[in-house]
Amino acid sequence: MGCHCPCLALVAVLILGPIPSSWSCLQCDPNFNLHFASYAPHLSRKSWGLGDVPAAGRRLRGWARDTVQELQLGVPAEIPMDKLQEIATQVYAKLDLLFKGHTYKSGLLPEILQSIFEEQVKMLRNGIIESKVKCERHCGINEYEAISCETCNKTKPICFGYNCESSEKWEEALKGLYKHINNLRTQPDKWERGLKQLPGFSHCASKSPENLNFTNIRRTLYKNWLNIMALKELEGEMKALQLLAPSC
């Protein structure tokens, strides 16, 4: 993720601040530093309105930190790399155009920057959720390749899907789920995070593996499956449905 030019690398440190202990989604894109460093020289122009430069600088410096805070997700912030780069390209294009030799009336530059920032957060949030939903359209345990917005490390988020066309496939899906949960039991450091990735299981993470009530879990999941399949038959496609949370 380093810059190709030492001068721009220095500018990146000045405008973006020191390397953070946690990242933001956009910062995981390899071109983030190079693009954001290129915006710093434009803030030295004397044609900006009074107060615009400090406000714009604060917005750019806080871009990474504020992104993670504004996402406000109930699931881990993980997004496929191709989706991240697609969003990043759109954000860079808007910022490049913003700083491309234009002069704005006082107060407009920070306002446009904030608008681009908010739109970026919205796109990232949608990208993360859509990836989870797409994963859950399968039958049983499934995974996909992604990037963690908090560490920029590659991850493989796990999900559980109800899109099982027969009772036989549903039973196989349940077996896969139980196997996955039992594997988590042997990895205490992954227990809480692993359960939170499964729809409706977030509240189960506080229980020890030995105390899970699989009879109740099976009964509730079966009701979810029947409801989803009935809705799918009625409307002709897989629809989002408020799932019953199993009594762990």
Protein backbone atom coordinates (compact mmCIF):
# COMPACT_ATOMS: atom_id res chain seq x y z
CA MET A 1 0.00 0.00 0.00
CA GLY A 2 3.00 2.29 -0.15
CA CYS A 3 3.31 5.28 -2.43
CA HIS A 4 5.53 5.19 -5.49
CA CYS A 5 6.90 8.68 -4.89
CA PRO A 6 8.81 9.62 -1.68
CA CYS A 7 7.42 13.18 -1.86
CA LEU A 8 3.86 11.96 -2.05
CA ALA A 9 4.54 9.50 0.76
CA LEU A 10 5.60 12.40 2.98
CA VAL A 11 2.55 14.42 1.95
CA ALA A 12 0.36 11.42 2.77
CA VAL A 13 1.71 11.38 6.31
CA LEU A 14 1.17 15.12 6.68
CA ILE A 15 -2.40 15.14 5.43
CA LEU A 16 -3.61 11.74 6.57
CA GLY A 17 -1.74 11.64 9.86
CA PRO A 18 0.29 8.71 11.22
CA ILE A 19 -0.48 5.13 10.26
CA PRO A 20 -3.55 4.13 12.32
CA SER A 21 -3.80 1.10 14.60
CA SER A 22 -6.92 0.09 12.67
CA TRP A 23 -7.79 0.75 9.05
CA SER A 24 -10.87 1.76 7.13
CA CYS A 25 -12.33 -0.06 4.14
CA LEU A 26 -11.06 2.39 1.55
CA GLN A 27 -7.58 2.42 3.06
CA CYS A 28 -7.27 -1.28 2.18
CA ASP A 29 -7.24 -0.32 -1.50
CA PRO A 30 -3.60 -0.24 -2.72
CA ASN A 31 -4.11 3.17 -4.38
CA PHE A 32 -5.54 4.96 -1.33
CA ASN A 33 -2.36 6.71 -0.13
CA LEU A 34 -1.30 7.78 -3.60
CA HIS A 35 -4.66 9.35 -4.40
CA PHE A 36 -5.18 11.07 -1.06
CA ALA A 37 -1.63 12.42 -1.04
CA SER A 38 -2.27 14.08 -4.39
CA TYR A 39 -5.08 16.16 -2.90
CA ALA A 40 -2.89 17.86 -0.27
CA PRO A 41 -1.09 20.33 -2.60
CA HIS A 42 -4.45 21.68 -3.80
CA LEU A 43 -5.26 22.84 -0.27
CA SER A 44 -2.35 25.32 -0.40
CA ARG A 45 -4.11 27.43 -3.04
CA LYS A 46 -4.97 30.92 -1.81
CA SER A 47 -8.23 31.01 -3.76
CA TRP A 48 -10.13 28.88 -1.25
CA GLY A 49 -12.65 30.59 1.01
CA LEU A 50 -11.74 31.56 4.56
CA GLY A 51 -11.84 28.46 6.78
CA ASP A 52 -12.27 26.02 3.88
CA VAL A 53 -8.68 24.70 3.99
CA PRO A 54 -8.72 23.69 7.70
CA ALA A 55 -12.19 22.13 7.31
CA ALA A 56 -11.20 20.22 4.18
CA GLY A 57 -7.96 19.08 5.81
CA ARG A 58 -9.84 17.73 8.82
CA ARG A 59 -12.23 15.86 6.56
CA LEU A 60 -9.37 14.24 4.63
CA ARG A 61 -7.37 13.43 7.78
CA GLY A 62 -10.37 11.85 9.44
CA TRP A 63 -11.50 9.96 6.34
CA ALA A 64 -10.18 6.56 7.43
CA ARG A 65 -11.12 6.80 11.12
CA ASP A 66 -14.59 8.20 10.50
CA THR A 67 -15.43 5.63 7.83
CA VAL A 68 -15.27 2.73 10.29
CA GLN A 69 -17.25 4.69 12.89
CA GLU A 70 -19.97 5.64 10.42
CA LEU A 71 -20.48 2.14 8.98
CA GLN A 72 -22.42 1.08 12.11
CA LEU A 73 -22.86 -2.54 11.10
CA GLY A 74 -24.13 -5.45 13.14
CA VAL A 75 -21.83 -7.81 11.21
CA PRO A 76 -18.03 -7.81 10.74
CA ALA A 77 -16.94 -5.15 8.22
CA GLU A 78 -15.67 -7.48 5.49
CA ILE A 79 -16.00 -6.80 1.77
CA PRO A 80 -14.84 -8.59 -1.40
CA MET A 81 -11.74 -6.92 -2.84
CA ASP A 82 -13.27 -6.42 -6.28
CA LYS A 83 -16.25 -4.63 -4.72
CA LEU A 84 -13.93 -2.49 -2.60
CA GLN A 85 -11.88 -1.45 -5.63
CA GLU A 86 -15.04 -0.68 -7.59
CA ILE A 87 -16.17 1.69 -4.83
CA ALA A 88 -12.69 3.16 -4.42
CA THR A 89 -12.52 3.97 -8.15
CA GLN A 90 -15.80 5.89 -7.92
CA VAL A 91 -14.64 7.83 -4.85
CA TYR A 92 -11.27 8.74 -6.39
CA ALA A 93 -12.99 9.92 -9.58
CA LYS A 94 -15.22 12.30 -7.59
CA LEU A 95 -12.33 13.61 -5.49
CA ASP A 96 -10.06 14.02 -8.53
CA LEU A 97 -12.75 16.08 -10.22
CA LEU A 98 -13.32 18.13 -7.07
CA PHE A 99 -9.66 19.20 -6.85
CA LYS A 100 -9.13 19.61 -10.61
CA GLY A 101 -8.35 23.33 -10.71
CA HIS A 102 -11.82 24.49 -9.75
CA THR A 103 -12.53 27.45 -7.50
CA TYR A 104 -15.54 27.29 -5.21
CA LYS A 105 -17.40 29.87 -3.21
CA SER A 106 -16.70 29.93 0.50
CA GLY A 107 -17.95 26.88 2.38
CA LEU A 108 -18.66 24.77 -0.69
CA LEU A 109 -15.47 22.67 -0.72
CA PRO A 110 -15.99 21.13 2.77
CA GLU A 111 -19.65 20.59 1.95
CA ILE A 112 -18.88 18.64 -1.23
CA LEU A 113 -16.15 16.65 0.54
CA GLN A 114 -18.62 15.65 3.26
CA SER A 115 -21.15 14.62 0.62
CA ILE A 116 -18.59 12.38 -1.12
CA PHE A 117 -17.59 10.90 2.24
CA GLU A 118 -21.19 10.06 3.17
CA GLU A 119 -21.86 8.52 -0.24
CA GLN A 120 -18.72 6.39 0.17
CA VAL A 121 -19.92 5.12 3.56
CA LYS A 122 -23.29 4.24 2.04
CA MET A 123 -21.67 2.32 -0.85
CA LEU A 124 -19.35 0.44 1.50
CA ARG A 125 -22.18 -0.44 3.87
CA ASN A 126 -24.31 -1.71 0.98
CA GLY A 127 -21.38 -3.65 -0.47
CA ILE A 128 -20.70 -5.42 2.83
CA ILE A 129 -24.36 -6.29 3.42
CA GLU A 130 -25.01 -7.36 -0.18
CA SER A 131 -22.04 -9.73 -0.03
CA LYS A 132 -23.46 -11.32 3.13
CA VAL A 133 -26.93 -11.62 1.59
CA LYS A 134 -25.51 -13.15 -1.60
CA CYS A 135 -23.63 -15.71 0.49
CA GLU A 136 -26.81 -16.57 2.42
CA ARG A 137 -28.72 -17.34 -0.80
CA HIS A 138 -26.97 -20.72 -0.80
CA CYS A 139 -28.04 -23.83 1.08
CA GLY A 140 -26.15 -24.42 4.32
CA ILE A 141 -22.67 -23.28 5.28
CA ASN A 142 -20.92 -21.17 2.66
CA GLU A 143 -17.96 -18.79 2.53
CA TYR A 144 -16.49 -16.09 0.29
CA GLU A 145 -13.20 -14.25 -0.01
CA ALA A 146 -13.07 -10.75 1.42
CA ILE A 147 -10.93 -8.07 3.04
CA SER A 148 -11.33 -7.03 6.67
CA CYS A 149 -11.92 -3.29 6.90
CA GLU A 150 -10.34 -3.28 10.37
CA THR A 151 -7.04 -4.99 9.50
CA CYS A 152 -6.90 -5.07 5.66
CA ASN A 153 -6.12 -8.80 5.98
CA LYS A 154 -7.73 -11.37 3.70
CA THR A 155 -10.65 -13.17 5.33
CA LYS A 156 -13.20 -15.86 4.47
CA PRO A 157 -16.52 -14.85 6.03
CA ILE A 158 -18.83 -17.75 6.83
CA CYS A 159 -22.60 -17.70 6.40
CA PHE A 160 -25.54 -20.07 6.65
CA GLY A 161 -28.15 -20.09 3.90
CA TYR A 162 -31.71 -21.42 3.94
CA ASN A 163 -32.09 -21.83 0.17
CA CYS A 164 -32.45 -25.63 0.34
CA GLU A 165 -34.89 -27.08 -2.20
CA SER A 166 -35.68 -30.36 -0.41
CA SER A 167 -35.84 -31.78 3.09
CA GLU A 168 -32.83 -33.97 2.24
CA LYS A 169 -30.76 -30.93 1.32
CA TRP A 170 -31.98 -29.18 4.46
CA GLU A 171 -30.81 -32.08 6.64
CA GLU A 172 -27.42 -31.94 4.94
CA ALA A 173 -27.29 -28.20 5.59
CA LEU A 174 -27.99 -28.80 9.29
CA LYS A 175 -25.24 -31.42 9.48
CA GLY A 176 -22.83 -28.92 7.94
CA LEU A 177 -23.92 -26.27 10.44
CA TYR A 178 -23.42 -28.58 13.44
CA LYS A 179 -20.04 -29.62 12.11
CA HIS A 180 -19.04 -25.96 11.74
CA ILE A 181 -20.18 -25.14 15.27
CA ASN A 182 -18.35 -28.16 16.69
CA ASN A 183 -15.18 -27.05 14.91
CA LEU A 184 -15.54 -23.64 16.54
CA ARG A 185 -15.64 -25.35 19.93
CA THR A 186 -12.03 -26.37 19.44
CA GLN A 187 -11.03 -22.79 18.62
CA PRO A 188 -11.99 -20.61 21.63
CA ASP A 189 -10.53 -17.49 20.03
CA LYS A 190 -12.92 -17.87 17.06
CA TRP A 191 -16.02 -18.99 18.98
CA GLU A 192 -17.71 -15.61 19.48
CA ARG A 193 -16.81 -14.17 16.07
CA GLY A 194 -17.79 -17.42 14.33
CA LEU A 195 -21.28 -17.53 15.84
CA LYS A 196 -21.90 -13.84 15.13
CA GLN A 197 -21.38 -14.54 11.43
CA LEU A 198 -24.36 -16.93 11.41
CA PRO A 199 -27.84 -15.35 10.99
CA GLY A 200 -29.67 -15.28 14.32
CA PHE A 201 -26.81 -16.70 16.36
CA SER A 202 -25.24 -13.48 17.70
CA HIS A 203 -26.85 -13.87 21.12
CA CYS A 204 -25.54 -17.44 21.42
CA ALA A 205 -21.92 -16.28 21.54
CA SER A 206 -22.15 -15.58 25.27
CA LYS A 207 -22.86 -19.25 25.99
CA SER A 208 -20.19 -21.91 26.27
CA PRO A 209 -20.25 -24.57 23.51
CA GLU A 210 -21.24 -27.26 26.00
CA ASN A 211 -24.40 -25.39 27.02
CA LEU A 212 -25.91 -24.92 23.57
CA ASN A 213 -29.37 -26.46 23.24
CA PHE A 214 -29.22 -28.09 19.81
CA THR A 215 -32.79 -29.41 20.10
CA ASN A 216 -34.17 -25.87 20.37
CA ILE A 217 -31.76 -24.62 17.72
CA ARG A 218 -32.87 -27.31 15.28
CA ARG A 219 -36.57 -26.57 15.93
CA THR A 220 -36.18 -22.84 15.33
CA LEU A 221 -34.03 -23.21 12.22
CA TYR A 222 -36.58 -25.62 10.78
CA LYS A 223 -39.33 -23.02 11.25
CA ASN A 224 -37.15 -20.44 9.51
CA TRP A 225 -36.55 -22.78 6.59
CA LEU A 226 -40.27 -23.59 6.18
CA ASN A 227 -41.19 -19.88 6.28
CA ILE A 228 -38.52 -18.91 3.73
CA MET A 229 -39.42 -21.73 1.34
CA ALA A 230 -43.15 -20.88 1.61
CA LEU A 231 -42.41 -17.22 0.84
CA LYS A 232 -40.16 -18.22 -2.06
CA GLU A 233 -42.88 -20.46 -3.53
CA LEU A 234 -45.42 -17.67 -3.16
CA GLU A 235 -43.29 -14.90 -4.69
CA GLY A 236 -41.07 -16.95 -7.01
CA GLU A 237 -37.71 -15.90 -5.60
CA MET A 238 -35.62 -15.90 -2.43
CA LYS A 239 -36.80 -13.05 -0.22
CA ALA A 240 -35.29 -11.52 2.90
CA LEU A 241 -37.22 -12.54 5.99
CA GLN A 242 -36.96 -11.68 9.66
CA LEU A 243 -35.47 -14.90 11.05
CA LEU A 244 -36.47 -16.40 14.36
CA ALA A 245 -33.48 -16.41 16.71
CA PRO A 246 -32.82 -19.88 18.14
CA SER A 247 -33.10 -20.38 21.89
CA CYS A 248 -29.54 -21.37 22.65
